[in-house]
Amino acid sequence: MGMFPIAINGKYHNHTNVRIILFGRQLMTVKAINYKRADAVNGVKVVGTSKTIGHTQGDENCTGSITLLMGEVNAIQMSLPPGKTLMDIPAFPIPVSFVDENGLLIAHELIQVKFMENGMGADSGSNDALQVEIPLFITDINFNA
């Protein structure tokens, strides 16, 4: 495989190809989703040299966020019992998929996700729809779902 991602007939995946399922239904109000898995890689140094002689590796960490329109956040909040917030929702999966014009499916799954915050923001002078970026706790990410 070359240095550049594969494009079919010159067409690359873009935001219109992304499908996100949350609580059993496809979300139509996602402004953005970001997630990644990082691995702690540390250099090993020894006395007598300033150069790294090798490395250690471990402690993977998954992070991410989802940005939803405020109406979606309100609908989720209103589905909860009184006094409960987004952070009280038990861990859930988020399937994310990309489909191109030729039907090639790429699927990821965010595993054991928790909302980490509940809030809102608004900017004066903006006519944009209200949206909320919510940091996600993610236990693992399956990039070959």
Protein backbone atom coordinates (compact mmCIF):
# COMPACT_ATOMS: atom_id res chain seq x y z
CA MET A 1 0.00 0.00 0.00
CA GLY A 2 1.32 3.43 -0.91
CA MET A 3 1.86 6.53 1.09
CA PHE A 4 -1.55 8.04 0.31
CA PRO A 5 -5.02 6.79 1.30
CA ILE A 6 -6.92 4.81 -1.29
CA ALA A 7 -9.49 6.76 -3.30
CA ILE A 8 -12.03 4.94 -5.42
CA ASN A 9 -12.47 6.71 -8.75
CA GLY A 10 -10.79 9.74 -7.16
CA LYS A 11 -13.47 10.05 -4.46
CA TYR A 12 -12.41 10.19 -0.82
CA HIS A 13 -14.61 9.78 2.25
CA ASN A 14 -15.97 13.04 3.65
CA HIS A 15 -18.33 14.17 6.39
CA THR A 16 -21.42 13.29 4.32
CA ASN A 17 -20.41 9.60 4.39
CA VAL A 18 -20.34 9.32 8.20
CA ARG A 19 -23.16 7.48 10.00
CA ILE A 20 -23.33 7.48 13.80
CA ILE A 21 -25.68 5.31 15.83
CA LEU A 22 -26.50 6.37 19.39
CA PHE A 23 -29.01 4.63 21.65
CA GLY A 24 -30.31 2.52 18.78
CA ARG A 25 -30.93 5.23 16.20
CA GLN A 26 -28.95 7.09 13.58
CA LEU A 27 -28.16 10.62 14.72
CA MET A 28 -28.87 13.34 12.21
CA THR A 29 -27.70 16.20 14.46
CA VAL A 30 -23.99 15.43 14.88
CA LYS A 31 -21.80 18.43 14.04
CA ALA A 32 -18.51 16.61 14.76
CA ILE A 33 -17.08 13.43 16.22
CA ASN A 34 -13.43 12.92 17.11
CA TYR A 35 -11.76 9.92 18.66
CA LYS A 36 -8.32 8.39 18.89
CA ARG A 37 -6.32 5.73 20.63
CA ALA A 38 -2.85 6.69 21.83
CA ASP A 39 -0.11 4.44 23.15
CA ALA A 40 2.42 5.51 25.76
CA VAL A 41 5.83 5.05 24.17
CA ASN A 42 8.78 6.04 26.35
CA GLY A 43 12.44 6.17 25.45
CA VAL A 44 14.94 4.12 27.47
CA LYS A 45 18.18 5.87 28.38
CA VAL A 46 21.20 4.56 30.23
CA VAL A 47 24.10 6.12 32.07
CA GLY A 48 26.98 7.05 29.81
CA THR A 49 25.04 8.16 26.74
CA SER A 50 22.59 10.91 25.91
CA LYS A 51 20.95 8.82 23.22
CA THR A 52 17.89 6.65 23.55
CA ILE A 53 18.77 2.97 23.26
CA GLY A 54 15.25 1.60 22.94
CA HIS A 55 11.72 2.11 24.13
CA THR A 56 8.96 0.78 26.35
CA GLN A 57 5.38 0.66 25.24
CA GLY A 58 2.03 0.21 26.94
CA ASP A 59 -0.81 2.02 28.68
CA GLU A 60 -3.13 2.75 25.79
CA ASN A 61 -5.51 5.65 26.23
CA CYS A 62 -8.66 6.39 24.20
CA THR A 63 -10.11 9.88 24.04
CA GLY A 64 -12.76 11.64 22.02
CA SER A 65 -15.62 14.07 21.82
CA ILE A 66 -18.94 14.45 20.07
CA THR A 67 -20.56 17.74 19.12
CA LEU A 68 -24.35 17.63 18.97
CA LEU A 69 -26.98 20.23 18.19
CA MET A 70 -28.60 21.47 21.40
CA GLY A 71 -31.97 19.94 20.46
CA GLU A 72 -30.41 16.46 20.49
CA VAL A 73 -28.77 17.08 23.86
CA ASN A 74 -32.12 18.31 25.24
CA ALA A 75 -33.93 15.23 23.87
CA ILE A 76 -31.41 12.89 25.53
CA GLN A 77 -31.61 14.85 28.78
CA MET A 78 -35.43 14.81 28.76
CA SER A 79 -35.45 11.02 28.28
CA LEU A 80 -33.67 10.59 31.62
CA PRO A 81 -35.37 10.33 35.03
CA PRO A 82 -35.68 13.59 37.00
CA GLY A 83 -32.41 14.63 38.63
CA LYS A 84 -30.25 12.56 36.26
CA THR A 85 -27.79 14.03 33.77
CA LEU A 86 -25.83 12.85 30.75
CA MET A 87 -23.05 11.60 33.02
CA ASP A 88 -25.50 9.22 34.74
CA ILE A 89 -26.16 7.26 31.52
CA PRO A 90 -24.56 3.79 31.78
CA ALA A 91 -21.68 3.05 29.40
CA PHE A 92 -22.83 2.56 25.81
CA PRO A 93 -21.28 1.78 22.40
CA ILE A 94 -21.13 4.25 19.51
CA PRO A 95 -20.92 2.58 16.10
CA VAL A 96 -19.45 4.87 13.43
CA SER A 97 -19.40 3.91 9.76
CA PHE A 98 -18.37 5.36 6.42
CA VAL A 99 -19.92 4.24 3.14
CA ASP A 100 -18.68 5.39 -0.23
CA GLU A 101 -20.53 5.51 -3.55
CA ASN A 102 -19.36 1.98 -4.37
CA GLY A 103 -20.69 0.51 -1.14
CA LEU A 104 -17.33 0.02 0.57
CA LEU A 105 -18.06 -0.01 4.30
CA ILE A 106 -15.56 1.02 6.95
CA ALA A 107 -16.89 0.54 10.46
CA HIS A 108 -15.49 1.59 13.83
CA GLU A 109 -16.99 1.05 17.26
CA LEU A 110 -16.32 3.15 20.32
CA ILE A 111 -16.63 0.76 23.26
CA GLN A 112 -18.01 1.54 26.72
CA VAL A 113 -18.50 5.25 26.13
CA LYS A 114 -19.53 7.70 28.86
CA PHE A 115 -20.43 11.37 28.54
CA MET A 116 -17.96 13.31 30.70
CA GLU A 117 -19.72 16.70 30.84
CA ASN A 118 -23.13 18.32 30.57
CA GLY A 119 -23.41 21.99 29.68
CA MET A 120 -24.18 24.58 27.06
CA GLY A 121 -22.64 27.60 25.41
CA ALA A 122 -23.93 30.40 23.21
CA ASP A 123 -22.17 33.23 21.40
CA SER A 124 -23.73 36.66 21.00
CA GLY A 125 -24.11 37.83 17.44
CA SER A 126 -24.09 34.28 16.06
CA ASN A 127 -27.00 32.95 14.05
CA ASP A 128 -25.59 29.41 14.09
CA ALA A 129 -27.62 26.63 15.67
CA LEU A 130 -26.72 26.01 19.30
CA GLN A 131 -24.35 23.08 19.64
CA VAL A 132 -22.59 21.34 22.49
CA GLU A 133 -19.20 19.59 22.41
CA ILE A 134 -19.21 16.74 24.93
CA PRO A 135 -15.93 15.05 25.91
CA LEU A 136 -16.18 11.26 25.86
CA PHE A 137 -14.64 8.62 28.08
CA ILE A 138 -13.91 5.66 25.79
CA THR A 139 -12.67 2.30 27.10
CA ASP A 140 -11.54 1.02 23.70
CA ILE A 141 -11.92 1.60 19.97
CA ASN A 142 -12.43 -1.20 17.48
CA PHE A 143 -11.13 0.14 14.16
CA ASN A 144 -12.21 -3.10 12.39
CA ALA A 145 -15.79 -3.42 13.61
